[in-house]
Each structure stands twice: as C-alpha cells, then as structure tokens.
C-alpha cells in the first residue's frame, strides 16, 4: 500500500473504499485496482480525441486494459489474481455500465449519461456524475452516504427495478394464460421449483398436480417459454409472449413463481466490517442482478463475471436489502 508514493492508499481515500476486517492485503489491493481502472474507463467518456473523432467502445476498453496492465506491473504481487486476458475485465466493466445506464451508446459512439441521483436508506446512488465530484465507490458503482435528500427520482425507477412484489407479477401473467393440450414434436425442459446450488434451474421432468409452472423448449437456439400445468397425464400449455422472456426476463416470472411457493432461496451475506460477502441463492431478474453487479466486486477476479459470489460495501448492501425486500426478495445473514 505504501509503494509508489502510497498510490493505492490515495485511491482508497479518494474513492472511499475500505478494507474488510479479516480481508487479506492482496484482496484489498485487487479491489482497489478494479475500481480504479473502472474510474479511468468512465473518465475516458470525456476524452477529446484528434479530429473530433467520437469516443468509441474500443477506446473505452483500451483505456481500461492499458491502465490495468500498468497497475499489475507495479503491483505484481496481485497479478495472479487477475485473468490472463484483460479484455475479460474491460468487456465486463463496459457491459455492466451499459446495462445499468452508466454509458450512453449511440451509433458509433459512447458518451456519459445524464446526471441522476436517487436515495434510499442512507445511500444516494449516482449515475453520470462529473469527474470533479467527490464520490464513493462500491465495485464500479458510485454513491454517497447521506442522512436525507429531496430527490424525486426513486432508486427503482433509476435502475428499472420491479416496482411491485414479484409474486404479484407472476400472478398477473400466469392467471391470464389460456391453456390447451400440448401437441408438438418439440422437446421441453421444466423449471425446477425446488432449486439448490447442486441442481440445474431446469429439469427434464414436469411438476405433476402442483398448479401452474414454467417450461421452455430445450433445443439449441432461441428458447420459447410456456406456462404449463400437468394433470391426468396431460400437459396443457400457454405460450408466453417473447418480450416477457427475452434477455433473461423470464427470471421475473421464475422468481415470482418460486416466491409464491415459498421456494425462492435467500440471498446470504456475511458482514466483515466495511464489506460484506454475498452468496446469491438464485439469479435475480436482470435489472436487480445488474444493480448488484454494478455495486459489487467479484469474490475472485479470475471469474470477474461471477453472478453468485460477490463482495459489496456493507452500507450499500444494507440499502439494497431494504429496497429488494419491498418486492419479495429475502436475505439471510450468516
């Protein structure tokens, strides 16, 4: 931490990134470097290129990769904690920024988003902050600790989160389904309604006499999803509109279904002082999952895209817990 005129210590102070009580020095350095290079990538959105060439995705990623290369040469003791190919890191940071509205992408150019803030439970979440503004960072997401603010924008609207209980979402669409006996040569897989870390989300056997559930085509390519019920040795099905299931949006339905059956796994966390370790029991719907990915570090940088094992600022986690509990997600400490 004291090398190079205390560079990492200054990054920790500038970005308000605190060390966990039992965290190793190497892991702490890795988190600092990850957040620092994300900030460099973000700052590149304001770069003035020659001949008025707009900032491109390639420019953004190249800045991250060049900076990461420099940091890991300086702090070679943590180089083995990162993947061999740095484009894994730059791709992930760009995709997470894009998915959470922290990059505006138009034809052949990217740019900063409009400045927005939203407050809940002592945390003001930021998007589009200026480079001169003092911010705190958890993962690659910026925020500030505040007692209260007068923002009219809610966190749910800012990140496109589910505004209603996920059980209500499931009931709304499943109760509209019109069922017919399924007659097709397609092969199907059926949602596992008793999920665990040891089992796949999908099974080759349907639930029998347990009400409405989800199934999808099992052949490679674009999946077609259905509501289904299995009674008297017959499967009755109702095809779900594509817009309800594309881009992993089926997770809104599957989370709601599992919650209605009281089978949705808890999101487990362990507090280690300033940081907490998250273990996701089940993938959240896209917007909720993307928000957590934005505001957390991977537990291991060798798998920077890991959706299940994450590290997060404890204050940010407490704000997110309060937010997601309102729509039916459950958390368990320990």
Protein backbone atom coordinates (compact mmCIF):
# COMPACT_ATOMS: atom_id res chain seq x y z
CA UNK A 1 0.00 0.00 0.00
CA UNK A 2 2.97 2.30 0.60
CA UNK A 3 4.70 1.76 -2.74
CA UNK A 4 4.76 4.43 -5.45
CA UNK A 5 4.14 7.33 -3.10
CA UNK A 6 1.25 5.45 -1.41
CA UNK A 7 -0.72 5.30 -4.68
CA UNK A 8 -3.20 2.63 -3.54
CA UNK A 9 -3.71 4.34 -0.19
CA UNK A 10 -4.60 7.54 -2.02
CA UNK A 11 -7.01 5.64 -4.27
CA UNK A 12 -8.63 4.10 -1.19
CA UNK A 13 -9.06 7.57 0.32
CA UNK A 14 -10.24 9.26 -2.89
CA UNK A 15 -12.84 6.57 -3.65
CA UNK A 16 -13.66 5.81 -0.01
CA UNK A 17 -13.01 2.07 -0.40
CA UNK A 18 -12.44 0.46 2.99
CA UNK A 19 -10.74 -2.81 3.90
CA UNK A 20 -12.68 -5.67 5.43
CA UNK A 21 -11.82 -6.64 8.99
CA UNK A 22 -10.38 -10.03 8.00
CA UNK A 23 -9.65 -9.28 4.36
CA UNK A 24 -6.17 -10.05 3.08
CA UNK A 25 -3.95 -7.23 1.85
CA UNK A 26 -3.81 -8.82 -1.61
CA UNK A 27 -7.58 -8.98 -2.00
CA UNK A 28 -7.92 -5.39 -0.83
CA UNK A 29 -5.34 -4.25 -3.39
CA UNK A 30 -7.17 -6.17 -6.10
CA UNK A 31 -10.44 -4.43 -5.26
CA UNK A 32 -8.78 -1.03 -5.29
CA UNK A 33 -7.22 -1.66 -8.69
CA UNK A 34 -10.50 -2.91 -10.16
CA UNK A 35 -12.42 0.16 -9.01
CA UNK A 36 -9.61 2.49 -10.08
CA UNK A 37 -9.45 1.13 -13.63
CA UNK A 38 -13.25 1.34 -13.90
CA UNK A 39 -12.99 5.00 -12.97
CA UNK A 40 -10.36 5.50 -15.68
CA UNK A 41 -12.71 3.86 -18.18
CA UNK A 42 -15.53 6.11 -17.05
CA UNK A 43 -13.32 9.22 -17.34
CA UNK A 44 -12.48 8.26 -20.94
CA UNK A 45 -16.08 9.11 -21.90
CA UNK A 46 -14.98 12.77 -21.73
CA UNK A 47 -11.80 12.29 -23.78
CA UNK A 48 -11.21 14.75 -26.61
CA UNK A 49 -9.82 12.73 -29.49
CA UNK A 50 -7.98 14.08 -32.52
CA UNK A 51 -10.02 15.31 -35.50
CA UNK A 52 -13.16 15.33 -33.33
CA UNK A 53 -13.41 11.53 -33.53
CA UNK A 54 -16.11 10.40 -31.06
CA UNK A 55 -15.25 8.15 -28.13
CA UNK A 56 -15.86 4.54 -29.10
CA UNK A 57 -16.35 1.31 -27.19
CA UNK A 58 -12.87 0.26 -28.30
CA UNK A 59 -11.33 3.43 -26.86
CA UNK A 60 -13.13 2.90 -23.54
CA UNK A 61 -11.95 -0.71 -23.25
CA UNK A 62 -8.41 0.10 -24.36
CA UNK A 63 -8.04 2.69 -21.60
CA UNK A 64 -9.10 0.11 -19.03
CA UNK A 65 -6.77 -2.57 -20.36
CA UNK A 66 -3.77 -0.22 -20.59
CA UNK A 67 -4.33 1.05 -17.05
CA UNK A 68 -4.81 -2.46 -15.67
CA UNK A 69 -1.59 -3.55 -17.37
CA UNK A 70 0.28 -0.69 -15.70
CA UNK A 71 -1.16 -1.34 -12.25
CA UNK A 72 -0.38 -5.06 -12.33
CA UNK A 73 3.19 -4.38 -13.41
CA UNK A 74 3.53 -2.05 -10.43
CA UNK A 75 1.76 -4.43 -8.02
CA UNK A 76 2.96 -7.75 -9.37
CA UNK A 77 2.03 -9.46 -6.10
CA UNK A 78 -1.64 -9.40 -7.15
CA UNK A 79 -1.20 -10.04 -10.89
CA UNK A 80 -2.00 -13.74 -10.46
CA UNK A 81 -5.41 -12.82 -9.01
CA UNK A 82 -6.49 -11.38 -12.37
CA UNK A 83 -7.28 -13.24 -15.61
CA UNK A 84 -4.58 -13.62 -18.22
CA UNK A 85 -6.62 -11.74 -20.81
CA UNK A 86 -7.54 -8.26 -19.62
CA UNK A 87 -10.31 -7.93 -22.18
CA UNK A 88 -12.38 -10.10 -19.83
CA UNK A 89 -12.25 -7.23 -17.34
CA UNK A 90 -12.83 -4.41 -19.84
CA UNK A 91 -15.70 -6.28 -21.51
CA UNK A 92 -17.35 -6.89 -18.16
CA UNK A 93 -16.99 -3.30 -16.96
CA UNK A 94 -18.36 -1.92 -20.23
CA UNK A 95 -21.29 -4.35 -20.32
CA UNK A 96 -22.18 -3.60 -16.69
CA UNK A 97 -22.04 0.16 -17.27
CA UNK A 98 -24.21 -0.22 -20.36
CA UNK A 99 -26.77 -2.47 -18.64
CA UNK A 100 -27.19 -0.03 -15.74
CA UNK A 101 -27.38 3.19 -17.76
CA UNK A 102 -23.88 4.40 -16.88
CA UNK A 103 -22.88 4.60 -20.54
CA UNK A 104 -24.99 6.09 -23.33
CA UNK A 105 -24.48 4.16 -26.58
CA UNK A 106 -25.48 5.64 -29.90
CA UNK A 107 -24.35 4.91 -33.44
CA UNK A 108 -20.53 4.52 -33.49
CA UNK A 109 -20.02 6.42 -30.23
CA UNK A 110 -20.48 6.23 -26.49
CA UNK A 111 -20.92 9.13 -24.07
CA UNK A 112 -21.70 9.91 -20.43
CA UNK A 113 -25.30 9.60 -19.30
CA UNK A 114 -27.33 12.40 -17.78
CA UNK A 115 -26.55 13.17 -14.15
CA UNK A 116 -29.01 11.42 -11.83
CA UNK A 117 -29.24 10.63 -8.11
CA UNK A 118 -31.68 8.50 -6.13
CA UNK A 119 -31.75 7.98 -2.37
CA UNK A 120 -32.77 5.17 -0.04
CA UNK A 121 -31.75 4.09 3.47
CA UNK A 122 -28.81 6.47 3.90
CA UNK A 123 -27.30 5.90 0.45
CA UNK A 124 -27.58 8.21 -2.54
CA UNK A 125 -26.95 6.19 -5.70
CA UNK A 126 -25.33 8.10 -8.57
CA UNK A 127 -25.26 7.98 -12.34
CA UNK A 128 -23.48 10.36 -14.70
CA UNK A 129 -21.51 12.23 -12.04
CA UNK A 130 -18.92 14.74 -13.21
CA UNK A 131 -15.26 13.81 -12.86
CA UNK A 132 -14.72 16.64 -10.37
CA UNK A 133 -17.41 15.38 -7.97
CA UNK A 134 -16.28 13.55 -4.85
CA UNK A 135 -17.78 10.05 -4.84
CA UNK A 136 -17.55 6.76 -3.01
CA UNK A 137 -17.34 3.52 -4.97
CA UNK A 138 -18.56 0.01 -4.28
CA UNK A 139 -17.44 -2.28 -7.07
CA UNK A 140 -17.72 0.10 -10.01
CA UNK A 141 -20.87 1.93 -8.88
CA UNK A 142 -20.70 5.41 -7.38
CA UNK A 143 -22.65 6.64 -4.37
CA UNK A 144 -22.62 8.97 -1.36
CA UNK A 145 -23.59 8.44 2.27
CA UNK A 146 -26.25 10.97 3.27
CA UNK A 147 -28.82 11.39 6.00
CA UNK A 148 -31.62 12.55 3.72
CA UNK A 149 -32.16 14.21 0.34
CA UNK A 150 -35.08 15.65 -1.59
CA UNK A 151 -34.62 13.68 -4.80
CA UNK A 152 -37.89 12.83 -6.53
CA UNK A 153 -36.33 10.02 -8.56
CA UNK A 154 -36.60 6.65 -6.82
CA UNK A 155 -33.89 4.01 -6.95
CA UNK A 156 -36.38 1.60 -8.53
CA UNK A 157 -37.07 3.99 -11.40
CA UNK A 158 -33.41 4.91 -11.80
CA UNK A 159 -32.37 1.28 -12.31
CA UNK A 160 -35.61 -0.04 -13.81
CA UNK A 161 -36.29 -2.38 -10.89
CA UNK A 162 -39.51 -4.28 -10.35
CA UNK A 163 -41.94 -1.72 -8.84
CA UNK A 164 -44.37 -4.35 -7.49
CA UNK A 165 -43.99 -7.57 -5.49
CA UNK A 166 -42.63 -10.33 -7.69
CA UNK A 167 -45.42 -12.65 -6.57
CA UNK A 168 -47.95 -10.16 -7.98
CA UNK A 169 -46.02 -10.09 -11.26
CA UNK A 170 -46.20 -13.88 -11.51
CA UNK A 171 -49.90 -13.99 -10.65
CA UNK A 172 -50.78 -11.21 -13.10
CA UNK A 173 -49.38 -13.02 -16.12
CA UNK A 174 -49.97 -16.66 -15.16
CA UNK A 175 -53.64 -16.02 -14.37
CA UNK A 176 -54.15 -14.57 -17.86
CA UNK A 177 -52.86 -17.75 -19.52
CA UNK A 178 -55.21 -19.71 -21.77
CA UNK A 179 -54.27 -23.40 -21.70
CA UNK A 180 -54.59 -26.05 -24.39
CA UNK A 181 -53.36 -29.62 -24.56
CA UNK A 182 -49.83 -29.52 -25.96
CA UNK A 183 -49.43 -31.30 -29.27
CA UNK A 184 -45.95 -30.79 -30.71
CA UNK A 185 -42.76 -32.64 -31.52
CA UNK A 186 -40.64 -30.10 -29.65
CA UNK A 187 -38.65 -31.25 -26.64
CA UNK A 188 -39.04 -29.33 -23.39
CA UNK A 189 -37.38 -28.69 -20.07
CA UNK A 190 -39.27 -27.71 -16.95
CA UNK A 191 -38.43 -25.19 -14.25
CA UNK A 192 -37.02 -26.80 -11.13
CA UNK A 193 -39.33 -25.45 -8.42
CA UNK A 194 -37.11 -26.70 -5.59
CA UNK A 195 -33.81 -25.13 -6.66
CA UNK A 196 -30.47 -25.59 -4.94
CA UNK A 197 -26.83 -24.95 -5.75
CA UNK A 198 -26.46 -28.65 -6.57
CA UNK A 199 -29.22 -28.78 -9.18
CA UNK A 200 -29.88 -27.12 -12.51
CA UNK A 201 -32.56 -24.47 -12.88
CA UNK A 202 -34.27 -26.76 -15.39
CA UNK A 203 -35.33 -30.41 -15.28
CA UNK A 204 -36.40 -32.95 -17.88
CA UNK A 205 -39.44 -33.87 -15.76
CA UNK A 206 -42.54 -31.73 -15.22
CA UNK A 207 -44.14 -30.96 -11.87
CA UNK A 208 -47.29 -33.03 -11.50
CA UNK A 209 -50.52 -31.70 -9.98
CA UNK A 210 -48.83 -28.64 -8.45
CA UNK A 211 -50.56 -25.84 -10.34
CA UNK A 212 -49.10 -23.56 -12.99
CA UNK A 213 -45.36 -23.60 -13.66
CA UNK A 214 -42.87 -22.73 -16.43
CA UNK A 215 -41.33 -24.74 -19.22
CA UNK A 216 -39.32 -23.95 -22.33
CA UNK A 217 -38.04 -25.61 -25.48
CA UNK A 218 -34.80 -27.47 -24.86
CA UNK A 219 -33.35 -27.37 -28.36
CA UNK A 220 -30.39 -25.03 -29.01
CA UNK A 221 -31.20 -21.51 -30.14
CA UNK A 222 -33.87 -19.05 -29.08
CA UNK A 223 -35.97 -20.53 -26.29
CA UNK A 224 -39.77 -20.46 -26.40
CA UNK A 225 -41.33 -20.26 -22.94
CA UNK A 226 -44.71 -21.51 -21.78
CA UNK A 227 -46.89 -21.55 -18.73
CA UNK A 228 -47.90 -25.15 -18.18
CA UNK A 229 -49.84 -27.43 -15.88
CA UNK A 230 -49.68 -31.20 -15.74
CA UNK A 231 -52.85 -33.05 -14.86
CA UNK A 232 -54.13 -36.55 -15.63
CA UNK A 233 -51.00 -37.42 -17.61
CA UNK A 234 -51.52 -34.48 -19.96
CA UNK A 235 -49.52 -31.28 -20.32
CA UNK A 236 -51.56 -28.18 -21.00
CA UNK A 237 -49.60 -25.14 -22.08
CA UNK A 238 -49.90 -21.45 -22.92
CA UNK A 239 -47.11 -19.77 -24.88
CA UNK A 240 -45.63 -16.70 -23.19
CA UNK A 241 -45.02 -13.57 -25.32
CA UNK A 242 -41.38 -13.25 -26.30
CA UNK A 243 -40.98 -9.79 -24.75
CA UNK A 244 -41.72 -11.28 -21.32
CA UNK A 245 -38.86 -13.76 -21.57
CA UNK A 246 -36.16 -12.32 -23.85
CA UNK A 247 -32.75 -11.33 -22.48
CA UNK A 248 -33.23 -13.37 -19.30
CA UNK A 249 -36.51 -11.60 -18.48
CA UNK A 250 -38.01 -14.99 -17.74
CA UNK A 251 -36.31 -14.59 -14.35
CA UNK A 252 -39.03 -12.15 -13.31
CA UNK A 253 -41.53 -14.97 -13.78
CA UNK A 254 -39.38 -17.72 -12.25
CA UNK A 255 -38.51 -15.62 -9.19
CA UNK A 256 -42.19 -14.76 -8.74
CA UNK A 257 -43.24 -18.39 -9.11
CA UNK A 258 -40.67 -19.62 -6.59
CA UNK A 259 -41.61 -16.83 -4.16
CA UNK A 260 -45.28 -17.80 -4.44
CA UNK A 261 -44.34 -21.36 -3.48
CA UNK A 262 -42.02 -20.12 -0.70
CA UNK A 263 -39.14 -21.83 -2.50
CA UNK A 264 -37.11 -18.77 -3.57
CA UNK A 265 -33.66 -19.17 -1.99
CA UNK A 266 -32.36 -16.48 0.33
CA UNK A 267 -29.55 -14.15 -0.67
CA UNK A 268 -26.98 -14.94 2.01
CA UNK A 269 -24.42 -12.49 3.27
CA UNK A 270 -21.60 -12.31 5.80
CA UNK A 271 -20.50 -8.97 7.21
CA UNK A 272 -16.77 -8.35 7.51
CA UNK A 273 -16.75 -4.81 8.83
CA UNK A 274 -16.83 -2.33 5.96
CA UNK A 275 -17.50 -5.03 3.36
CA UNK A 276 -19.85 -7.98 3.11
CA UNK A 277 -19.67 -11.23 1.19
CA UNK A 278 -22.75 -12.10 -0.88
CA UNK A 279 -23.77 -15.57 -1.96
CA UNK A 280 -26.69 -15.45 -4.35
CA UNK A 281 -29.06 -18.38 -3.91
CA UNK A 282 -30.81 -17.79 -7.24
CA UNK A 283 -30.23 -15.39 -10.12
CA UNK A 284 -32.22 -12.21 -9.67
CA UNK A 285 -34.17 -10.68 -12.56
CA UNK A 286 -31.91 -8.71 -14.94
CA UNK A 287 -32.33 -5.17 -13.57
CA UNK A 288 -31.90 -6.24 -9.94
CA UNK A 289 -28.96 -8.50 -10.77
CA UNK A 290 -27.27 -5.78 -12.85
CA UNK A 291 -27.56 -3.29 -9.98
CA UNK A 292 -25.87 -5.72 -7.60
CA UNK A 293 -23.15 -6.45 -10.16
CA UNK A 294 -22.54 -2.71 -10.59
CA UNK A 295 -22.17 -2.10 -6.87
CA UNK A 296 -20.04 -5.13 -6.03
CA UNK A 297 -16.67 -6.68 -6.68
CA UNK A 298 -16.29 -10.30 -7.81
CA UNK A 299 -15.11 -12.54 -4.99
CA UNK A 300 -12.40 -13.75 -7.35
CA UNK A 301 -11.19 -11.61 -10.24
CA UNK A 302 -10.29 -14.73 -12.18
CA UNK A 303 -14.06 -15.01 -12.71
CA UNK A 304 -14.95 -11.35 -12.91
CA UNK A 305 -18.42 -12.11 -14.35
CA UNK A 306 -19.47 -14.40 -11.49
CA UNK A 307 -23.11 -13.66 -10.64
CA UNK A 308 -23.22 -15.67 -7.44
CA UNK A 309 -20.23 -14.79 -5.22
CA UNK A 310 -19.74 -11.06 -4.73
CA UNK A 311 -18.18 -8.55 -2.32
CA UNK A 312 -20.01 -5.31 -1.55
CA UNK A 313 -19.73 -2.24 0.67
CA UNK A 314 -21.75 -3.05 3.80
CA UNK A 315 -23.64 0.26 3.86
CA UNK A 316 -24.62 -0.14 0.21
CA UNK A 317 -25.74 -3.70 0.90
CA UNK A 318 -27.99 -2.58 3.75
CA UNK A 319 -29.64 -0.03 1.45
CA UNK A 320 -30.15 -2.68 -1.24
CA UNK A 321 -31.57 -5.14 1.28
CA UNK A 322 -34.18 -2.59 2.35
CA UNK A 323 -35.01 -1.91 -1.29
CA UNK A 324 -35.33 -5.50 -2.53
CA UNK A 325 -37.21 -6.79 0.49
CA UNK A 326 -40.06 -4.49 -0.54
CA UNK A 327 -40.61 -6.57 -3.68
CA UNK A 328 -40.29 -10.01 -2.11
CA UNK A 329 -36.59 -10.95 -2.16
CA UNK A 330 -35.23 -12.34 1.09
CA UNK A 331 -31.81 -12.02 2.71
CA UNK A 332 -30.18 -14.08 5.43
CA UNK A 333 -27.08 -13.18 7.42
CA UNK A 334 -24.69 -15.92 8.33
